[in-house]
C-alpha cells in the first residue's frame, strides 16, 4: 500500500494546465494569511477517491505568490482563472486578524469568476470570506467556535451555529476549525460516491470517517472566580458540592438572600438561570471524570449530582452531543499499564 497520496508521484513533473476531464474539479483558493494545514487538506483527501476528483490550488491574483500565516510563503501554479472551471471551490481559513466585512477588490473579483451553481465550501475563518461576498445570505453557517462572536458582530443577519462541525446547505457548505476540514471533505465524498468510498478514504488518511457530536465538546468553559460578583462565592460553594441536591432555595440561603433576588442577580451576572448553570457544571465535572478516571458511568453520575447514569447520558448528549462512552473514547488518555510481578 503506498504511503503517499496517489498524486504525490506526479507532483515531480512540470505542472501543466489540466485539459478536459471527467473527474470532479476541486479548486482550492489560497488567500494571503492562509493556514497551511487546512490549505493542504483537499489535496490530501480527495486524491484517495481513485480518480473521482481533480484538485488544483489557485491564488486570488495573477501573482500566484501567497503569504501564509506561518513563517513562509508559497507559490501556487494557478491564478484566479482556475475558478471558472471549478465544480467545487474550497476556501481554507486565513489569519483571523485579517477577517473583515469587506473583501479586497482582487479577492472579490476572483470570487466573481465562480460559475453559478458551483458548490462552495469554507473551512474555519473561510466562512468570513463567503459571508462578506454575500454567499451566506439567507443560509445557516458555522465557523470556529472561538470566532463566533466576531462573526456575529460583522454579519448579524447570518444564522450562525457554532456548535456543529459543519453545515451542508446544498451548494454551500461551511465547516468549523482545523480538523473539521477533514470532516467536510469526507462528507463531500460520502455525498458524491457513498459511504464505502468515504470510509476507504478515511482509512487511508488514518482518521475516523465520521465524528460524533459537535464543537461543544472541544470548548473550554471558564470557571467563575470568587470575589468578582455578588453570586461568585455561592458559585464556588456549589462547585464544591455538586454531588448534593442543590435547589434554588439552598443557593439563595448560602448567598443570604431571597430565591427571587438571587435568581435575578445570577441571571444578570452569568447570563443563564442557576438551574441551567448547575447542569452545565455537572456535565463539565462528569467530562473531567470521564477523561481522567475509569469510574463507571453510574458512579460518575452520583459524584456530580445526577440521580442516575441515564440522567447523565441524557444531559451529556444535550450539552455536547455525545454519549459518555463516545466522549471517553475520544478524550481518555490511555497510558500503557505496568503490571508488577
Protein backbone atom coordinates (compact mmCIF):
# COMPACT_ATOMS: atom_id res chain seq x y z
CA UNK A 1 0.00 0.00 0.00
CA UNK A 2 1.52 3.36 -0.94
CA UNK A 3 2.43 5.68 1.91
CA UNK A 4 1.93 8.82 -0.12
CA UNK A 5 -1.08 10.31 -1.84
CA UNK A 6 -1.75 8.93 -5.34
CA UNK A 7 -0.99 12.41 -6.64
CA UNK A 8 2.45 12.58 -4.98
CA UNK A 9 4.36 10.72 -7.70
CA UNK A 10 3.07 13.04 -10.39
CA UNK A 11 3.95 16.15 -8.39
CA UNK A 12 7.59 16.00 -9.52
CA UNK A 13 6.63 16.55 -13.16
CA UNK A 14 6.36 20.12 -14.50
CA UNK A 15 2.79 21.30 -13.92
CA UNK A 16 0.53 21.94 -16.87
CA UNK A 17 -2.94 23.39 -17.16
CA UNK A 18 -5.27 20.37 -16.98
CA UNK A 19 -7.28 19.58 -20.06
CA UNK A 20 -10.85 18.37 -20.21
CA UNK A 21 -11.54 15.68 -17.62
CA UNK A 22 -14.50 13.65 -16.39
CA UNK A 23 -13.23 14.00 -12.81
CA UNK A 24 -14.96 16.43 -10.48
CA UNK A 25 -12.72 19.51 -10.36
CA UNK A 26 -11.99 20.87 -6.88
CA UNK A 27 -10.31 24.28 -6.81
CA UNK A 28 -8.76 25.41 -3.53
CA UNK A 29 -8.50 29.19 -3.19
CA UNK A 30 -5.39 30.33 -1.31
CA UNK A 31 -5.58 33.89 0.04
CA UNK A 32 -2.93 35.86 1.91
CA UNK A 33 -2.61 34.68 5.50
CA UNK A 34 -3.83 31.17 4.63
CA UNK A 35 -3.33 28.37 7.17
CA UNK A 36 -1.03 25.79 5.53
CA UNK A 37 -2.58 22.78 7.29
CA UNK A 38 -6.13 23.43 6.12
CA UNK A 39 -4.92 24.52 2.68
CA UNK A 40 -3.43 21.07 2.18
CA UNK A 41 -6.45 19.05 3.35
CA UNK A 42 -8.26 18.79 -0.02
CA UNK A 43 -5.06 17.71 -1.79
CA UNK A 44 -4.53 15.07 0.85
CA UNK A 45 -8.09 13.70 0.97
CA UNK A 46 -9.67 13.79 -2.50
CA UNK A 47 -6.89 12.01 -4.47
CA UNK A 48 -7.58 8.85 -2.46
CA UNK A 49 -11.03 8.62 -4.07
CA UNK A 50 -9.49 6.73 -7.01
CA UNK A 51 -9.59 9.34 -9.75
CA UNK A 52 -13.02 10.72 -8.93
CA UNK A 53 -11.60 14.20 -8.25
CA UNK A 54 -9.04 16.54 -9.74
CA UNK A 55 -7.62 19.05 -7.22
CA UNK A 56 -5.85 22.28 -8.11
CA UNK A 57 -4.84 25.25 -5.97
CA UNK A 58 -5.14 28.81 -7.15
CA UNK A 59 -4.35 32.32 -5.94
CA UNK A 60 -6.76 35.23 -5.99
CA UNK A 61 -4.40 37.27 -8.16
CA UNK A 62 -2.13 36.64 -11.13
CA UNK A 63 0.95 36.99 -8.89
CA UNK A 64 0.36 33.43 -7.55
CA UNK A 65 2.61 34.07 -4.54
CA UNK A 66 0.66 33.65 -1.33
CA UNK A 67 1.72 34.64 2.18
CA UNK A 68 0.75 32.04 4.79
CA UNK A 69 0.12 32.66 8.49
CA UNK A 70 3.36 30.75 9.17
CA UNK A 71 6.90 31.95 8.53
CA UNK A 72 6.92 31.12 4.82
CA UNK A 73 5.19 32.00 1.58
CA UNK A 74 4.03 29.59 -1.11
CA UNK A 75 3.86 29.74 -4.88
CA UNK A 76 0.80 28.14 -6.48
CA UNK A 77 0.52 27.04 -10.10
CA UNK A 78 -2.81 28.62 -10.99
CA UNK A 79 -4.33 32.08 -10.93
CA UNK A 80 -7.96 33.06 -10.36
CA UNK A 81 -8.96 31.85 -13.84
CA UNK A 82 -8.96 28.31 -12.41
CA UNK A 83 -12.14 29.21 -10.52
CA UNK A 84 -14.04 29.49 -13.81
CA UNK A 85 -13.77 25.73 -14.39
CA UNK A 86 -14.40 24.57 -10.81
CA UNK A 87 -17.11 22.10 -9.86
CA UNK A 88 -16.35 22.68 -6.17
CA UNK A 89 -14.49 25.65 -4.67
CA UNK A 90 -12.93 25.29 -1.21
CA UNK A 91 -11.92 28.38 0.77
CA UNK A 92 -9.48 27.46 3.59
CA UNK A 93 -9.05 29.67 6.67
CA UNK A 94 -6.78 32.68 6.83
CA UNK A 95 -5.29 34.76 9.64
CA UNK A 96 -8.11 35.78 11.98
CA UNK A 97 -6.53 39.23 12.34
CA UNK A 98 -7.39 39.82 8.68
CA UNK A 99 -11.09 38.99 8.83
CA UNK A 100 -13.37 41.82 7.81
CA UNK A 101 -16.83 42.55 6.49
CA UNK A 102 -15.22 43.92 3.32
CA UNK A 103 -13.25 41.94 0.77
CA UNK A 104 -10.19 43.29 -1.06
CA UNK A 105 -11.09 44.14 -4.64
CA UNK A 106 -8.86 41.39 -6.18
CA UNK A 107 -10.44 38.71 -3.97
CA UNK A 108 -13.96 39.91 -4.77
CA UNK A 109 -13.09 39.85 -8.48
CA UNK A 110 -11.71 36.32 -8.14
CA UNK A 111 -14.90 35.08 -6.46
CA UNK A 112 -16.96 36.66 -9.22
CA UNK A 113 -15.35 34.18 -11.64
CA UNK A 114 -17.13 31.24 -9.97
CA UNK A 115 -19.91 29.88 -12.17
CA UNK A 116 -23.48 29.89 -10.80
CA UNK A 117 -24.35 26.52 -9.27
CA UNK A 118 -20.76 25.70 -8.31
CA UNK A 119 -20.51 24.01 -4.91
CA UNK A 120 -18.68 26.29 -2.46
CA UNK A 121 -17.12 25.14 0.82
CA UNK A 122 -15.41 27.08 3.61
CA UNK A 123 -13.17 25.82 6.39
CA UNK A 124 -12.94 27.76 9.67
CA UNK A 125 -12.44 31.51 9.02
CA UNK A 126 -13.02 30.93 5.32
CA UNK A 127 -16.68 31.48 6.26
CA UNK A 128 -15.88 35.19 6.69
CA UNK A 129 -14.94 35.39 3.02
CA UNK A 130 -18.16 33.68 1.95
CA UNK A 131 -20.19 35.95 4.22
CA UNK A 132 -18.50 39.13 3.01
CA UNK A 133 -19.17 38.05 -0.56
CA UNK A 134 -22.88 37.64 0.20
CA UNK A 135 -22.75 33.89 -0.38
CA UNK A 136 -24.19 33.08 3.06
CA UNK A 137 -27.12 35.48 2.97
CA UNK A 138 -30.27 33.63 3.98
CA UNK A 139 -28.31 30.47 4.83
CA UNK A 140 -27.20 28.72 8.02
CA UNK A 141 -23.46 28.72 8.60
CA UNK A 142 -20.74 27.76 11.05
CA UNK A 143 -17.12 28.65 11.77
CA UNK A 144 -14.59 28.00 14.54
CA UNK A 145 -16.28 28.43 17.92
CA UNK A 146 -13.62 30.95 19.03
CA UNK A 147 -14.56 33.22 16.11
CA UNK A 148 -18.32 33.09 16.66
CA UNK A 149 -18.63 36.43 18.46
CA UNK A 150 -16.53 38.18 15.83
CA UNK A 151 -18.59 36.61 13.04
CA UNK A 152 -21.88 37.66 14.63
CA UNK A 153 -20.67 41.22 15.11
CA UNK A 154 -19.76 41.52 11.42
CA UNK A 155 -22.65 39.53 9.96
CA UNK A 156 -25.58 39.66 12.41
CA UNK A 157 -28.03 38.77 9.62
CA UNK A 158 -26.49 35.31 9.10
CA UNK A 159 -27.81 32.35 11.12
CA UNK A 160 -24.59 31.12 12.77
CA UNK A 161 -24.42 27.79 14.62
CA UNK A 162 -21.01 27.47 16.33
CA UNK A 163 -21.81 24.10 17.93
CA UNK A 164 -21.56 21.89 14.82
CA UNK A 165 -18.58 20.53 12.88
CA UNK A 166 -20.05 21.50 9.52
CA UNK A 167 -23.29 22.57 7.84
CA UNK A 168 -24.40 21.26 4.45
CA UNK A 169 -26.83 23.70 2.86
CA UNK A 170 -26.84 22.15 -0.59
CA UNK A 171 -24.44 24.04 -2.83
CA UNK A 172 -22.84 25.95 0.07
CA UNK A 173 -21.14 24.21 2.99
CA UNK A 174 -19.33 25.74 5.95
CA UNK A 175 -17.19 23.93 8.50
CA UNK A 176 -15.56 24.65 11.84
CA UNK A 177 -11.86 24.88 12.63
CA UNK A 178 -8.84 22.84 11.60
CA UNK A 179 -9.68 19.11 11.55
CA UNK A 180 -13.30 19.81 10.62
CA UNK A 181 -11.88 20.41 7.15
CA UNK A 182 -11.29 16.67 7.05
CA UNK A 183 -14.86 16.06 8.22
CA UNK A 184 -16.41 18.19 5.49
CA UNK A 185 -14.19 16.77 2.73
CA UNK A 186 -15.12 13.22 3.74
CA UNK A 187 -18.76 14.32 3.83
CA UNK A 188 -18.47 15.58 0.25
CA UNK A 189 -17.03 12.24 -0.88
CA UNK A 190 -19.75 10.39 1.02
CA UNK A 191 -22.43 12.56 -0.61
CA UNK A 192 -20.93 12.15 -4.10
CA UNK A 193 -19.91 8.47 -4.06
CA UNK A 194 -21.35 6.79 -0.96
CA UNK A 195 -20.10 5.62 2.43
CA UNK A 196 -17.90 2.80 1.14
CA UNK A 197 -15.67 5.19 -0.81
CA UNK A 198 -15.61 7.74 2.02
CA UNK A 199 -14.71 5.05 4.56
CA UNK A 200 -11.88 3.82 2.34
CA UNK A 201 -10.52 7.37 2.01
CA UNK A 202 -10.77 7.86 5.78
CA UNK A 203 -8.73 4.70 6.39
CA UNK A 204 -6.03 5.94 4.02
CA UNK A 205 -5.94 9.23 5.91
CA UNK A 206 -5.96 7.42 9.29
CA UNK A 207 -8.96 9.42 10.54
CA UNK A 208 -12.48 8.41 11.59
CA UNK A 209 -14.95 8.54 8.67
CA UNK A 210 -17.45 10.28 10.92
CA UNK A 211 -17.05 12.11 14.23
CA UNK A 212 -19.88 12.18 16.73
CA UNK A 213 -21.06 15.39 18.32
CA UNK A 214 -20.08 18.96 17.51
CA UNK A 215 -17.72 21.72 18.57
CA UNK A 216 -19.26 21.95 22.04
CA UNK A 217 -17.16 19.02 23.27
CA UNK A 218 -13.96 20.93 22.42
CA UNK A 219 -14.85 24.27 24.04
CA UNK A 220 -13.17 25.05 27.34
CA UNK A 221 -15.73 26.73 29.60
CA UNK A 222 -14.50 29.36 32.07
CA UNK A 223 -14.78 28.71 35.80
CA UNK A 224 -16.24 31.60 37.86
CA UNK A 225 -13.79 33.47 40.10
CA UNK A 226 -14.62 34.29 43.69
CA UNK A 227 -14.88 37.93 44.67
CA UNK A 228 -15.92 39.19 41.24
CA UNK A 229 -19.70 39.39 41.79
CA UNK A 230 -22.48 39.04 44.33
CA UNK A 231 -23.01 35.38 43.46
CA UNK A 232 -19.41 34.27 42.89
CA UNK A 233 -18.95 32.88 46.41
CA UNK A 234 -22.11 30.80 46.06
CA UNK A 235 -20.99 29.59 42.65
CA UNK A 236 -17.70 28.42 44.18
CA UNK A 237 -19.57 26.73 47.04
CA UNK A 238 -21.87 24.96 44.59
CA UNK A 239 -18.90 23.71 42.58
CA UNK A 240 -17.56 22.11 45.75
CA UNK A 241 -20.86 20.41 46.48
CA UNK A 242 -22.14 19.29 43.09
CA UNK A 243 -22.94 15.81 44.40
CA UNK A 244 -25.61 17.33 46.68
CA UNK A 245 -29.17 18.23 45.60
CA UNK A 246 -28.72 21.99 45.14
CA UNK A 247 -32.07 23.74 44.93
CA UNK A 248 -32.58 27.43 44.23
CA UNK A 249 -33.58 27.82 47.88
CA UNK A 250 -30.30 26.23 49.02
CA UNK A 251 -28.25 28.51 46.78
CA UNK A 252 -30.14 31.59 47.95
CA UNK A 253 -29.71 30.56 51.59
CA UNK A 254 -25.93 30.32 51.09
CA UNK A 255 -25.93 33.77 49.50
CA UNK A 256 -28.14 35.07 52.36
CA UNK A 257 -30.76 36.48 50.07
CA UNK A 258 -34.19 35.52 48.79
CA UNK A 259 -34.53 32.97 45.96
CA UNK A 260 -36.07 35.61 43.70
CA UNK A 261 -33.29 38.15 44.31
CA UNK A 262 -30.59 35.51 43.95
CA UNK A 263 -32.05 34.25 40.66
CA UNK A 264 -32.19 37.81 39.31
CA UNK A 265 -28.58 38.60 40.30
CA UNK A 266 -27.38 35.25 38.96
CA UNK A 267 -29.07 35.78 35.60
CA UNK A 268 -27.57 39.26 35.30
CA UNK A 269 -24.04 38.11 36.17
CA UNK A 270 -23.84 34.69 34.49
CA UNK A 271 -26.31 35.07 31.64
CA UNK A 272 -28.35 31.98 32.49
CA UNK A 273 -30.53 30.58 35.26
CA UNK A 274 -28.97 28.87 38.30
CA UNK A 275 -30.53 25.55 37.28
CA UNK A 276 -29.09 25.63 33.79
CA UNK A 277 -25.68 26.68 35.13
CA UNK A 278 -25.68 23.80 37.63
CA UNK A 279 -26.45 21.31 34.84
CA UNK A 280 -23.55 22.66 32.75
CA UNK A 281 -21.15 22.47 35.70
CA UNK A 282 -22.20 18.90 36.46
CA UNK A 283 -21.65 17.95 32.84
CA UNK A 284 -18.22 19.60 32.89
CA UNK A 285 -17.26 17.72 36.07
CA UNK A 286 -18.53 14.47 34.53
CA UNK A 287 -16.40 15.12 31.45
CA UNK A 288 -13.29 15.56 33.60
CA UNK A 289 -14.01 12.28 35.39
CA UNK A 290 -14.59 10.51 32.07
CA UNK A 291 -11.24 11.83 30.86
CA UNK A 292 -9.19 11.12 33.97
CA UNK A 293 -10.73 8.05 35.66
CA UNK A 294 -12.09 4.60 34.88
CA UNK A 295 -15.15 5.09 37.09
CA UNK A 296 -18.35 3.57 35.68
CA UNK A 297 -20.98 5.98 34.36
CA UNK A 298 -23.40 5.35 37.25
CA UNK A 299 -20.68 6.18 39.79
CA UNK A 300 -19.75 9.36 37.92
CA UNK A 301 -23.42 10.37 37.84
CA UNK A 302 -23.56 10.17 41.62
CA UNK A 303 -20.28 12.07 42.02
CA UNK A 304 -21.60 15.05 40.06
CA UNK A 305 -25.17 15.16 41.33
CA UNK A 306 -27.18 13.36 38.67
CA UNK A 307 -29.63 10.83 40.06
CA UNK A 308 -28.81 8.04 37.60
CA UNK A 309 -26.47 7.10 34.80
CA UNK A 310 -29.38 7.54 32.41
CA UNK A 311 -29.79 11.12 33.57
CA UNK A 312 -26.08 11.77 32.99
CA UNK A 313 -26.31 10.29 29.50
CA UNK A 314 -29.30 12.49 28.69
CA UNK A 315 -27.69 15.71 29.92
CA UNK A 316 -24.29 14.97 28.37
CA UNK A 317 -25.89 14.38 24.98
CA UNK A 318 -27.99 17.53 25.32
CA UNK A 319 -24.97 19.72 26.18
CA UNK A 320 -22.18 18.34 23.98
CA UNK A 321 -23.95 15.94 21.63
CA UNK A 322 -22.23 12.65 22.51
CA UNK A 323 -22.65 9.72 24.88
CA UNK A 324 -20.35 9.17 27.90
CA UNK A 325 -18.74 6.23 26.11
CA UNK A 326 -18.06 8.25 22.96
CA UNK A 327 -16.64 11.13 24.99
CA UNK A 328 -14.37 8.85 26.99
CA UNK A 329 -13.16 7.10 23.83
CA UNK A 330 -12.26 10.49 22.33
CA UNK A 331 -10.56 12.15 25.28
CA UNK A 332 -9.40 9.44 27.70
CA UNK A 333 -5.62 9.27 27.79
CA UNK A 334 -4.75 5.60 27.81
CA UNK A 335 -1.28 5.20 29.26
CA UNK A 336 0.40 1.86 28.96
CA UNK A 337 -0.31 -0.16 32.09
CA UNK A 338 2.61 -1.54 34.08
CA UNK A 339 1.77 -4.83 35.78
CA UNK A 340 4.08 -5.83 38.69
CA UNK A 341 5.36 -9.36 39.01
